Amino acid sequence: MRVLIVYASRSGATREIAERIAFVLLRQGLEATVQPAQHADDPARYDASLIGSATYYFRWMKPATKFVRRNRDVLANRPVWLFSSGSSGSEANGSQARDARAVAEPKEIAEFRQSITPRGHRVFLGTLDRNKLGFIHRLLLKLPANRDEALFPVGNARDWNAVEDWAFSIARALRSANRAA
């Protein structure tokens, strides 16, 4: 089975998640192609698609959103999974979120559930590198010099085991569907 993995990433963290998913799918005997959303192939050439985006202010990046909307008819008739990658986030009490469930789902996902009926959506914690943020973003996020006081803690919060487990579950679902066909 041929799987297209499309991503939108500002700093590369979401691309790395997409690449890790592809690595797992390849090890499971599936053909996996990873491409940025703005240059991605026609999903009609593939048996399944995974689409992911970094999230900013509870929204997907425009290239990923445009890819889904532009290919809505094709994606609605194929197995599709969605994933989001956000900063390390914070819970209501201000402590660092160690669980992706504590991160709010991006606004576009409700629309996509209606239009393309994905088989699932996962939120993975991402990275937030102070050195890659512009001055305005640092001000908006109120990132103080002391990491312990940060509203959005700086660093890498990605859980690679969770990413790989999710990718394995997709590989199992695709192989099972392929055997049933």
N, C-alpha and C. Protein backbone atom coordinates (compact mmCIF):
# COMPACT_ATOMS: atom_id res chain seq x y z
N MET A 1 0.83 -1.19 0.00
CA MET A 1 0.00 0.00 0.00
C MET A 1 0.87 1.24 0.00
N ARG A 2 0.44 2.22 -0.74
CA ARG A 2 1.15 3.50 -0.84
C ARG A 2 0.49 4.52 0.09
N VAL A 3 1.30 5.14 0.94
CA VAL A 3 0.79 6.10 1.92
C VAL A 3 1.49 7.44 1.70
N LEU A 4 0.69 8.49 1.58
CA LEU A 4 1.21 9.85 1.47
C LEU A 4 1.14 10.50 2.84
N ILE A 5 2.27 11.03 3.30
CA ILE A 5 2.33 11.74 4.57
C ILE A 5 2.66 13.20 4.25
N VAL A 6 1.71 14.07 4.53
CA VAL A 6 1.82 15.49 4.22
C VAL A 6 1.94 16.24 5.54
N TYR A 7 2.79 17.26 5.56
CA TYR A 7 2.97 18.02 6.79
C TYR A 7 3.14 19.51 6.49
N ALA A 8 2.85 20.33 7.47
CA ALA A 8 3.18 21.75 7.46
C ALA A 8 3.94 22.02 8.75
N SER A 9 5.12 22.60 8.62
CA SER A 9 5.99 22.80 9.77
C SER A 9 6.72 24.13 9.63
N ARG A 10 6.80 24.86 10.70
CA ARG A 10 7.52 26.13 10.66
C ARG A 10 8.99 25.92 11.05
N SER A 11 9.24 25.16 12.08
CA SER A 11 10.62 25.01 12.56
C SER A 11 11.20 23.62 12.32
N GLY A 12 10.43 22.72 11.73
CA GLY A 12 10.94 21.39 11.41
C GLY A 12 10.48 20.29 12.35
N ALA A 13 9.87 20.62 13.48
CA ALA A 13 9.46 19.60 14.44
C ALA A 13 8.35 18.71 13.88
N THR A 14 7.38 19.28 13.19
CA THR A 14 6.29 18.48 12.63
C THR A 14 6.81 17.63 11.47
N ARG A 15 7.75 18.16 10.71
CA ARG A 15 8.39 17.36 9.64
C ARG A 15 9.06 16.14 10.26
N GLU A 16 9.74 16.31 11.37
CA GLU A 16 10.41 15.19 12.03
C GLU A 16 9.40 14.14 12.50
N ILE A 17 8.24 14.58 12.97
CA ILE A 17 7.19 13.63 13.36
C ILE A 17 6.72 12.86 12.14
N ALA A 18 6.50 13.57 11.02
CA ALA A 18 6.07 12.92 9.78
C ALA A 18 7.11 11.90 9.32
N GLU A 19 8.38 12.25 9.43
CA GLU A 19 9.45 11.33 9.02
C GLU A 19 9.50 10.10 9.93
N ARG A 20 9.26 10.28 11.22
CA ARG A 20 9.26 9.14 12.14
C ARG A 20 8.09 8.20 11.82
N ILE A 21 6.93 8.77 11.50
CA ILE A 21 5.78 7.96 11.11
C ILE A 21 6.12 7.16 9.85
N ALA A 22 6.73 7.82 8.86
CA ALA A 22 7.11 7.14 7.62
C ALA A 22 8.08 6.00 7.89
N PHE A 23 9.03 6.22 8.78
CA PHE A 23 10.01 5.19 9.13
C PHE A 23 9.30 3.95 9.67
N VAL A 24 8.34 4.14 10.55
CA VAL A 24 7.59 3.02 11.12
C VAL A 24 6.79 2.31 10.03
N LEU A 25 6.11 3.07 9.18
CA LEU A 25 5.31 2.45 8.12
C LEU A 25 6.18 1.66 7.16
N LEU A 26 7.34 2.19 6.82
CA LEU A 26 8.28 1.47 5.95
C LEU A 26 8.73 0.17 6.59
N ARG A 27 9.04 0.22 7.88
CA ARG A 27 9.46 -1.00 8.59
C ARG A 27 8.34 -2.03 8.63
N GLN A 28 7.09 -1.58 8.49
CA GLN A 28 5.94 -2.48 8.51
C GLN A 28 5.54 -2.92 7.09
N GLY A 29 6.39 -2.62 6.11
CA GLY A 29 6.16 -3.10 4.76
C GLY A 29 5.26 -2.23 3.89
N LEU A 30 4.98 -1.03 4.33
CA LEU A 30 4.17 -0.11 3.53
C LEU A 30 5.10 0.87 2.81
N GLU A 31 4.62 1.41 1.71
CA GLU A 31 5.36 2.42 0.97
C GLU A 31 4.94 3.78 1.52
N ALA A 32 5.86 4.58 1.99
CA ALA A 32 5.52 5.86 2.60
C ALA A 32 6.31 6.99 1.96
N THR A 33 5.60 8.03 1.56
CA THR A 33 6.19 9.22 0.96
C THR A 33 5.86 10.42 1.84
N VAL A 34 6.89 11.18 2.22
CA VAL A 34 6.71 12.36 3.08
C VAL A 34 6.95 13.61 2.23
N GLN A 35 5.97 14.54 2.28
CA GLN A 35 6.09 15.76 1.49
C GLN A 35 5.50 16.95 2.24
N PRO A 36 6.08 18.15 2.04
CA PRO A 36 5.49 19.35 2.63
C PRO A 36 4.16 19.66 1.94
N ALA A 37 3.21 20.19 2.68
CA ALA A 37 1.86 20.42 2.16
C ALA A 37 1.85 21.30 0.91
N GLN A 38 2.69 22.31 0.87
CA GLN A 38 2.64 23.23 -0.26
C GLN A 38 3.17 22.61 -1.56
N HIS A 39 3.84 21.44 -1.48
CA HIS A 39 4.38 20.79 -2.67
C HIS A 39 3.93 19.33 -2.77
N ALA A 40 2.90 18.96 -2.07
CA ALA A 40 2.50 17.55 -1.99
C ALA A 40 1.82 17.07 -3.26
N ASP A 41 2.01 15.78 -3.53
CA ASP A 41 1.38 15.10 -4.66
C ASP A 41 -0.14 15.08 -4.52
N ASP A 42 -0.77 14.68 -5.59
CA ASP A 42 -2.21 14.43 -5.58
C ASP A 42 -2.45 13.18 -4.74
N PRO A 43 -3.26 13.27 -3.69
CA PRO A 43 -3.50 12.08 -2.85
C PRO A 43 -4.23 10.95 -3.59
N ALA A 44 -4.80 11.23 -4.75
CA ALA A 44 -5.46 10.17 -5.53
C ALA A 44 -4.47 9.12 -6.00
N ARG A 45 -3.18 9.44 -6.01
CA ARG A 45 -2.14 8.48 -6.42
C ARG A 45 -1.75 7.52 -5.30
N TYR A 46 -2.37 7.67 -4.12
CA TYR A 46 -2.01 6.88 -2.95
C TYR A 46 -3.23 6.14 -2.40
N ASP A 47 -2.96 5.11 -1.63
CA ASP A 47 -4.04 4.32 -1.03
C ASP A 47 -4.56 4.94 0.27
N ALA A 48 -3.72 5.72 0.93
CA ALA A 48 -4.09 6.34 2.21
C ALA A 48 -3.25 7.59 2.39
N SER A 49 -3.71 8.47 3.29
CA SER A 49 -2.99 9.71 3.57
C SER A 49 -2.96 9.98 5.06
N LEU A 50 -1.86 10.56 5.50
CA LEU A 50 -1.73 11.12 6.84
C LEU A 50 -1.37 12.58 6.64
N ILE A 51 -2.06 13.46 7.34
CA ILE A 51 -1.82 14.89 7.17
C ILE A 51 -1.61 15.49 8.54
N GLY A 52 -0.53 16.25 8.67
CA GLY A 52 -0.23 16.85 9.96
C GLY A 52 0.21 18.29 9.82
N SER A 53 0.03 19.00 10.90
CA SER A 53 0.43 20.40 10.91
C SER A 53 0.88 20.82 12.30
N ALA A 54 1.82 21.73 12.30
CA ALA A 54 2.13 22.44 13.53
C ALA A 54 0.92 23.31 13.84
N THR A 55 0.70 23.56 15.11
CA THR A 55 -0.42 24.43 15.50
C THR A 55 0.12 25.69 16.15
N TYR A 56 -0.53 26.78 15.80
CA TYR A 56 -0.21 28.07 16.37
C TYR A 56 -1.52 28.74 16.74
N TYR A 57 -1.65 29.11 17.99
CA TYR A 57 -2.86 29.75 18.48
C TYR A 57 -4.09 28.89 18.15
N PHE A 58 -3.97 27.59 18.38
CA PHE A 58 -5.05 26.62 18.23
C PHE A 58 -5.54 26.49 16.78
N ARG A 59 -4.66 26.75 15.83
CA ARG A 59 -5.00 26.60 14.42
C ARG A 59 -3.89 25.87 13.69
N TRP A 60 -4.29 25.12 12.65
CA TRP A 60 -3.32 24.49 11.76
C TRP A 60 -2.68 25.56 10.89
N MET A 61 -1.51 25.27 10.37
CA MET A 61 -0.86 26.18 9.43
C MET A 61 -1.64 26.18 8.11
N LYS A 62 -1.62 27.30 7.42
CA LYS A 62 -2.40 27.45 6.18
C LYS A 62 -2.07 26.42 5.11
N PRO A 63 -0.80 26.06 4.86
CA PRO A 63 -0.55 25.07 3.81
C PRO A 63 -1.26 23.73 4.04
N ALA A 64 -1.30 23.27 5.28
CA ALA A 64 -1.98 21.99 5.58
C ALA A 64 -3.48 22.13 5.43
N THR A 65 -4.03 23.23 5.92
CA THR A 65 -5.47 23.47 5.81
C THR A 65 -5.88 23.56 4.35
N LYS A 66 -5.11 24.28 3.56
CA LYS A 66 -5.41 24.40 2.12
C LYS A 66 -5.31 23.05 1.42
N PHE A 67 -4.32 22.24 1.79
CA PHE A 67 -4.18 20.91 1.18
C PHE A 67 -5.44 20.08 1.42
N VAL A 68 -5.92 20.05 2.65
CA VAL A 68 -7.12 19.27 2.97
C VAL A 68 -8.32 19.81 2.19
N ARG A 69 -8.52 21.09 2.22
CA ARG A 69 -9.69 21.68 1.55
C ARG A 69 -9.63 21.48 0.04
N ARG A 70 -8.44 21.63 -0.54
CA ARG A 70 -8.28 21.46 -1.99
C ARG A 70 -8.52 20.01 -2.43
N ASN A 71 -8.19 19.07 -1.57
CA ASN A 71 -8.29 17.64 -1.91
C ASN A 71 -9.43 16.94 -1.18
N ARG A 72 -10.37 17.69 -0.70
CA ARG A 72 -11.49 17.18 0.11
C ARG A 72 -12.17 15.96 -0.53
N ASP A 73 -12.50 16.02 -1.81
CA ASP A 73 -13.24 14.93 -2.45
C ASP A 73 -12.44 13.64 -2.47
N VAL A 74 -11.16 13.72 -2.78
CA VAL A 74 -10.30 12.52 -2.80
C VAL A 74 -10.13 11.98 -1.39
N LEU A 75 -9.82 12.86 -0.43
CA LEU A 75 -9.56 12.43 0.94
C LEU A 75 -10.79 11.81 1.59
N ALA A 76 -11.97 12.25 1.21
CA ALA A 76 -13.20 11.71 1.78
C ALA A 76 -13.44 10.26 1.37
N ASN A 77 -12.74 9.81 0.33
CA ASN A 77 -12.94 8.45 -0.19
C ASN A 77 -11.73 7.55 0.01
N ARG A 78 -10.85 7.92 0.92
CA ARG A 78 -9.66 7.13 1.21
C ARG A 78 -9.44 7.12 2.73
N PRO A 79 -8.70 6.14 3.22
CA PRO A 79 -8.33 6.19 4.65
C PRO A 79 -7.42 7.39 4.91
N VAL A 80 -7.80 8.20 5.90
CA VAL A 80 -7.04 9.40 6.24
C VAL A 80 -6.92 9.48 7.76
N TRP A 81 -5.73 9.86 8.21
CA TRP A 81 -5.49 10.16 9.62
C TRP A 81 -4.88 11.55 9.69
N LEU A 82 -5.19 12.26 10.75
CA LEU A 82 -4.67 13.61 10.96
C LEU A 82 -3.84 13.66 12.23
N PHE A 83 -2.82 14.51 12.23
CA PHE A 83 -2.07 14.73 13.46
C PHE A 83 -1.68 16.19 13.57
N SER A 84 -1.57 16.65 14.79
CA SER A 84 -1.20 18.02 15.08
C SER A 84 -0.02 18.01 16.03
N SER A 85 0.80 19.02 15.90
CA SER A 85 1.97 19.15 16.75
C SER A 85 1.97 20.56 17.32
N GLY A 86 2.01 20.64 18.64
CA GLY A 86 1.99 21.96 19.28
C GLY A 86 3.15 22.15 20.20
N SER A 87 3.26 23.36 20.72
CA SER A 87 4.31 23.64 21.69
C SER A 87 4.08 22.76 22.91
N SER A 88 4.97 22.82 23.83
CA SER A 88 4.84 21.95 24.99
C SER A 88 3.62 22.30 25.84
N GLY A 89 3.03 23.46 25.63
CA GLY A 89 1.73 23.78 26.20
C GLY A 89 1.71 23.97 27.69
N SER A 90 0.53 24.26 28.21
CA SER A 90 0.36 24.39 29.65
C SER A 90 -1.06 24.04 30.02
N GLU A 91 -1.23 23.57 31.21
CA GLU A 91 -2.55 23.26 31.71
C GLU A 91 -3.14 24.51 32.33
N ALA A 92 -4.38 24.47 32.70
CA ALA A 92 -5.07 25.64 33.24
C ALA A 92 -4.34 26.24 34.44
N ASN A 93 -3.72 25.40 35.25
CA ASN A 93 -3.05 25.92 36.45
C ASN A 93 -1.65 26.45 36.16
N GLY A 94 -1.24 26.41 34.90
CA GLY A 94 0.05 26.97 34.51
C GLY A 94 1.20 25.97 34.54
N SER A 95 0.98 24.77 35.04
CA SER A 95 2.07 23.80 35.04
C SER A 95 2.22 23.17 33.67
N GLN A 96 3.42 22.67 33.40
CA GLN A 96 3.70 22.11 32.08
C GLN A 96 2.86 20.87 31.82
N ALA A 97 2.28 20.81 30.63
CA ALA A 97 1.48 19.64 30.22
C ALA A 97 2.42 18.54 29.77
N ARG A 98 2.35 17.38 30.36
CA ARG A 98 3.15 16.25 29.96
C ARG A 98 2.33 15.25 29.15
N ASP A 99 1.08 15.58 28.92
CA ASP A 99 0.17 14.69 28.24
C ASP A 99 -0.46 15.46 27.09
N ALA A 100 -0.38 14.91 25.87
CA ALA A 100 -0.94 15.60 24.70
C ALA A 100 -2.42 15.86 24.84
N ARG A 101 -3.13 15.12 25.67
CA ARG A 101 -4.56 15.36 25.86
C ARG A 101 -4.82 16.71 26.50
N ALA A 102 -3.80 17.28 27.15
CA ALA A 102 -3.97 18.57 27.80
C ALA A 102 -3.88 19.72 26.80
N VAL A 103 -3.50 19.43 25.55
CA VAL A 103 -3.37 20.44 24.53
C VAL A 103 -4.68 20.50 23.74
N ALA A 104 -5.20 21.69 23.55
CA ALA A 104 -6.47 21.85 22.85
C ALA A 104 -6.37 21.42 21.39
N GLU A 105 -7.45 20.87 20.88
CA GLU A 105 -7.52 20.44 19.50
C GLU A 105 -7.64 21.66 18.59
N PRO A 106 -6.91 21.68 17.47
CA PRO A 106 -7.01 22.82 16.55
C PRO A 106 -8.42 23.00 16.01
N LYS A 107 -8.77 24.23 15.72
CA LYS A 107 -10.13 24.59 15.29
C LYS A 107 -10.56 23.88 14.00
N GLU A 108 -9.64 23.63 13.08
CA GLU A 108 -9.98 23.04 11.78
C GLU A 108 -10.42 21.58 11.88
N ILE A 109 -10.06 20.90 12.93
CA ILE A 109 -10.32 19.46 13.01
C ILE A 109 -11.81 19.15 12.99
N ALA A 110 -12.63 19.95 13.62
CA ALA A 110 -14.09 19.72 13.59
C ALA A 110 -14.61 19.79 12.15
N GLU A 111 -14.15 20.77 11.39
CA GLU A 111 -14.53 20.87 9.97
C GLU A 111 -14.09 19.63 9.20
N PHE A 112 -12.85 19.20 9.43
CA PHE A 112 -12.31 18.05 8.70
C PHE A 112 -13.04 16.76 9.06
N ARG A 113 -13.48 16.64 10.32
CA ARG A 113 -14.25 15.45 10.69
C ARG A 113 -15.53 15.36 9.87
N GLN A 114 -16.14 16.50 9.59
CA GLN A 114 -17.37 16.54 8.79
C GLN A 114 -17.09 16.29 7.31
N SER A 115 -16.04 16.90 6.79
CA SER A 115 -15.82 16.89 5.34
C SER A 115 -15.06 15.67 4.82
N ILE A 116 -14.10 15.15 5.58
CA ILE A 116 -13.32 14.02 5.06
C ILE A 116 -13.38 12.79 5.95
N THR A 117 -14.07 12.86 7.06
CA THR A 117 -14.22 11.76 8.03
C THR A 117 -12.92 10.97 8.25
N PRO A 118 -11.93 11.63 8.83
CA PRO A 118 -10.67 10.91 9.10
C PRO A 118 -10.89 9.78 10.10
N ARG A 119 -10.01 8.80 10.03
CA ARG A 119 -10.10 7.66 10.95
C ARG A 119 -9.57 8.00 12.34
N GLY A 120 -8.93 9.12 12.45
CA GLY A 120 -8.43 9.55 13.75
C GLY A 120 -7.66 10.85 13.66
N HIS A 121 -7.49 11.47 14.80
CA HIS A 121 -6.67 12.67 14.93
C HIS A 121 -5.90 12.55 16.24
N ARG A 122 -4.60 12.80 16.17
CA ARG A 122 -3.75 12.78 17.37
C ARG A 122 -3.05 14.11 17.51
N VAL A 123 -2.94 14.54 18.74
CA VAL A 123 -2.16 15.73 19.05
C VAL A 123 -0.89 15.26 19.74
N PHE A 124 0.24 15.65 19.19
CA PHE A 124 1.52 15.34 19.79
C PHE A 124 2.15 16.63 20.28
N LEU A 125 2.68 16.60 21.47
CA LEU A 125 3.42 17.75 21.96
C LEU A 125 4.63 17.94 21.07
N GLY A 126 5.05 19.16 20.92
CA GLY A 126 6.14 19.45 20.00
C GLY A 126 7.33 20.06 20.68
N THR A 127 7.91 21.01 20.01
CA THR A 127 9.07 21.72 20.54
C THR A 127 8.81 23.21 20.49
N LEU A 128 9.46 23.91 21.34
CA LEU A 128 9.42 25.36 21.29
C LEU A 128 10.84 25.84 21.57
N ASP A 129 11.48 26.33 20.53
CA ASP A 129 12.86 26.78 20.60
C ASP A 129 12.88 28.30 20.61
N ARG A 130 13.22 28.87 21.72
CA ARG A 130 13.26 30.34 21.88
C ARG A 130 14.09 30.99 20.79
N ASN A 131 15.17 30.34 20.35
CA ASN A 131 16.05 30.91 19.34
C ASN A 131 15.41 30.97 17.96
N LYS A 132 14.36 30.20 17.73
CA LYS A 132 13.69 30.21 16.43
C LYS A 132 12.47 31.10 16.40
N LEU A 133 12.15 31.73 17.52
CA LEU A 133 11.00 32.62 17.58
C LEU A 133 11.43 34.05 17.27
N GLY A 134 10.56 34.77 16.57
CA GLY A 134 10.79 36.19 16.33
C GLY A 134 10.48 37.00 17.58
N PHE A 135 10.88 38.23 17.57
CA PHE A 135 10.68 39.10 18.71
C PHE A 135 9.21 39.19 19.11
N ILE A 136 8.34 39.38 18.14
CA ILE A 136 6.90 39.52 18.42
C ILE A 136 6.36 38.24 19.06
N HIS A 137 6.75 37.08 18.54
CA HIS A 137 6.26 35.82 19.12
C HIS A 137 6.74 35.65 20.56
N ARG A 138 7.97 36.05 20.82
CA ARG A 138 8.46 35.95 22.19
C ARG A 138 7.64 36.85 23.11
N LEU A 139 7.29 38.02 22.63
CA LEU A 139 6.46 38.92 23.44
C LEU A 139 5.05 38.35 23.63
N LEU A 140 4.46 37.86 22.55
CA LEU A 140 3.10 37.32 22.63
C LEU A 140 3.03 36.11 23.56
N LEU A 141 4.04 35.27 23.49
CA LEU A 141 4.05 34.07 24.33
C LEU A 141 4.57 34.36 25.73
N LYS A 142 5.09 35.58 25.93
CA LYS A 142 5.59 35.99 27.24
C LYS A 142 6.61 34.98 27.77
N LEU A 143 7.60 34.70 26.94
CA LEU A 143 8.63 33.76 27.35
C LEU A 143 9.70 34.48 28.16
N PRO A 144 9.71 34.29 29.45
CA PRO A 144 10.74 34.92 30.27
C PRO A 144 12.08 34.19 30.11
N ALA A 145 13.11 34.82 30.58
CA ALA A 145 14.44 34.21 30.49
C ALA A 145 14.52 32.93 31.32
N ASN A 146 13.78 32.85 32.42
CA ASN A 146 13.79 31.69 33.30
C ASN A 146 12.79 30.65 32.81
N ARG A 147 13.26 29.51 32.37
CA ARG A 147 12.40 28.45 31.82
C ARG A 147 11.31 28.02 32.80
N ASP A 148 11.60 28.02 34.09
CA ASP A 148 10.63 27.55 35.08
C ASP A 148 9.40 28.46 35.16
N GLU A 149 9.53 29.70 34.70
CA GLU A 149 8.41 30.63 34.76
C GLU A 149 7.65 30.72 33.45
N ALA A 150 8.09 30.01 32.43
CA ALA A 150 7.52 30.16 31.09
C ALA A 150 6.07 29.70 31.03
N LEU A 151 5.25 30.51 30.37
CA LEU A 151 3.87 30.13 30.11
C LEU A 151 3.84 28.92 29.19
N PHE A 152 4.68 28.94 28.15
CA PHE A 152 4.85 27.81 27.24
C PHE A 152 6.30 27.37 27.39
N PRO A 153 6.57 26.33 28.13
CA PRO A 153 7.95 25.94 28.41
C PRO A 153 8.75 25.66 27.15
N VAL A 154 9.96 26.15 27.14
CA VAL A 154 10.86 25.96 26.02
C VAL A 154 11.44 24.56 26.09
N GLY A 155 11.59 23.93 24.95
CA GLY A 155 12.23 22.63 24.91
C GLY A 155 11.48 21.65 24.03
N ASN A 156 11.92 20.41 24.08
CA ASN A 156 11.37 19.34 23.26
C ASN A 156 10.50 18.46 24.14
N ALA A 157 9.20 18.45 23.88
CA ALA A 157 8.27 17.64 24.68
C ALA A 157 7.73 16.46 23.87
N ARG A 158 8.33 16.20 22.70
CA ARG A 158 7.81 15.13 21.86
C ARG A 158 7.99 13.77 22.53
N ASP A 159 6.97 12.95 22.43
CA ASP A 159 6.99 11.60 22.96
C ASP A 159 7.09 10.65 21.76
N TRP A 160 8.32 10.25 21.43
CA TRP A 160 8.54 9.43 20.25
C TRP A 160 7.87 8.07 20.36
N ASN A 161 7.74 7.54 21.57
CA ASN A 161 7.04 6.26 21.73
C ASN A 161 5.57 6.40 21.34
N ALA A 162 4.94 7.51 21.70
CA ALA A 162 3.54 7.74 21.34
C ALA A 162 3.39 7.88 19.83
N VAL A 163 4.32 8.58 19.19
CA VAL A 163 4.29 8.73 17.73
C VAL A 163 4.42 7.36 17.06
N GLU A 164 5.39 6.57 17.51
CA GLU A 164 5.61 5.25 16.91
C GLU A 164 4.44 4.31 17.17
N ASP A 165 3.88 4.33 18.36
CA ASP A 165 2.72 3.48 18.66
C ASP A 165 1.55 3.82 17.74
N TRP A 166 1.32 5.11 17.53
CA TRP A 166 0.23 5.54 16.66
C TRP A 166 0.49 5.08 15.23
N ALA A 167 1.73 5.23 14.76
CA ALA A 167 2.09 4.79 13.41
C ALA A 167 1.91 3.28 13.26
N PHE A 168 2.30 2.51 14.28
CA PHE A 168 2.10 1.05 14.23
C PHE A 168 0.61 0.72 14.12
N SER A 169 -0.24 1.45 14.85
CA SER A 169 -1.68 1.18 14.79
C SER A 169 -2.23 1.48 13.40
N ILE A 170 -1.71 2.50 12.75
CA ILE A 170 -2.14 2.82 11.38
C ILE A 170 -1.67 1.73 10.42
N ALA A 171 -0.45 1.27 10.57
CA ALA A 171 0.06 0.19 9.72
C ALA A 171 -0.81 -1.06 9.87
N ARG A 172 -1.16 -1.40 11.10
CA ARG A 172 -2.03 -2.58 11.33
C ARG A 172 -3.38 -2.39 10.65
N ALA A 173 -3.97 -1.21 10.79
CA ALA A 173 -5.28 -0.94 10.18
C ALA A 173 -5.19 -1.04 8.66
N LEU A 174 -4.14 -0.50 8.07
CA LEU A 174 -4.01 -0.55 6.62
C LEU A 174 -3.77 -1.96 6.11
N ARG A 175 -2.92 -2.71 6.80
CA ARG A 175 -2.68 -4.11 6.39
C ARG A 175 -3.94 -4.93 6.54
N SER A 176 -4.69 -4.71 7.60
CA SER A 176 -5.95 -5.44 7.82
C SER A 176 -6.96 -5.12 6.72
N ALA A 177 -7.09 -3.85 6.37
CA ALA A 177 -8.02 -3.44 5.32
C ALA A 177 -7.58 -4.00 3.96
N ASN A 178 -6.28 -4.07 3.73
CA ASN A 178 -5.75 -4.59 2.47
C ASN A 178 -6.03 -6.10 2.35
N ARG A 179 -5.92 -6.82 3.47
CA ARG A 179 -6.21 -8.27 3.45
C ARG A 179 -7.70 -8.52 3.22
N ALA A 180 -8.54 -7.65 3.75
CA ALA A 180 -9.99 -7.81 3.62
C ALA A 180 -10.48 -7.49 2.21
N ALA A 181 -9.69 -6.69 1.47
CA ALA A 181 -10.12 -6.26 0.13
C ALA A 181 -9.96 -7.35 -0.91
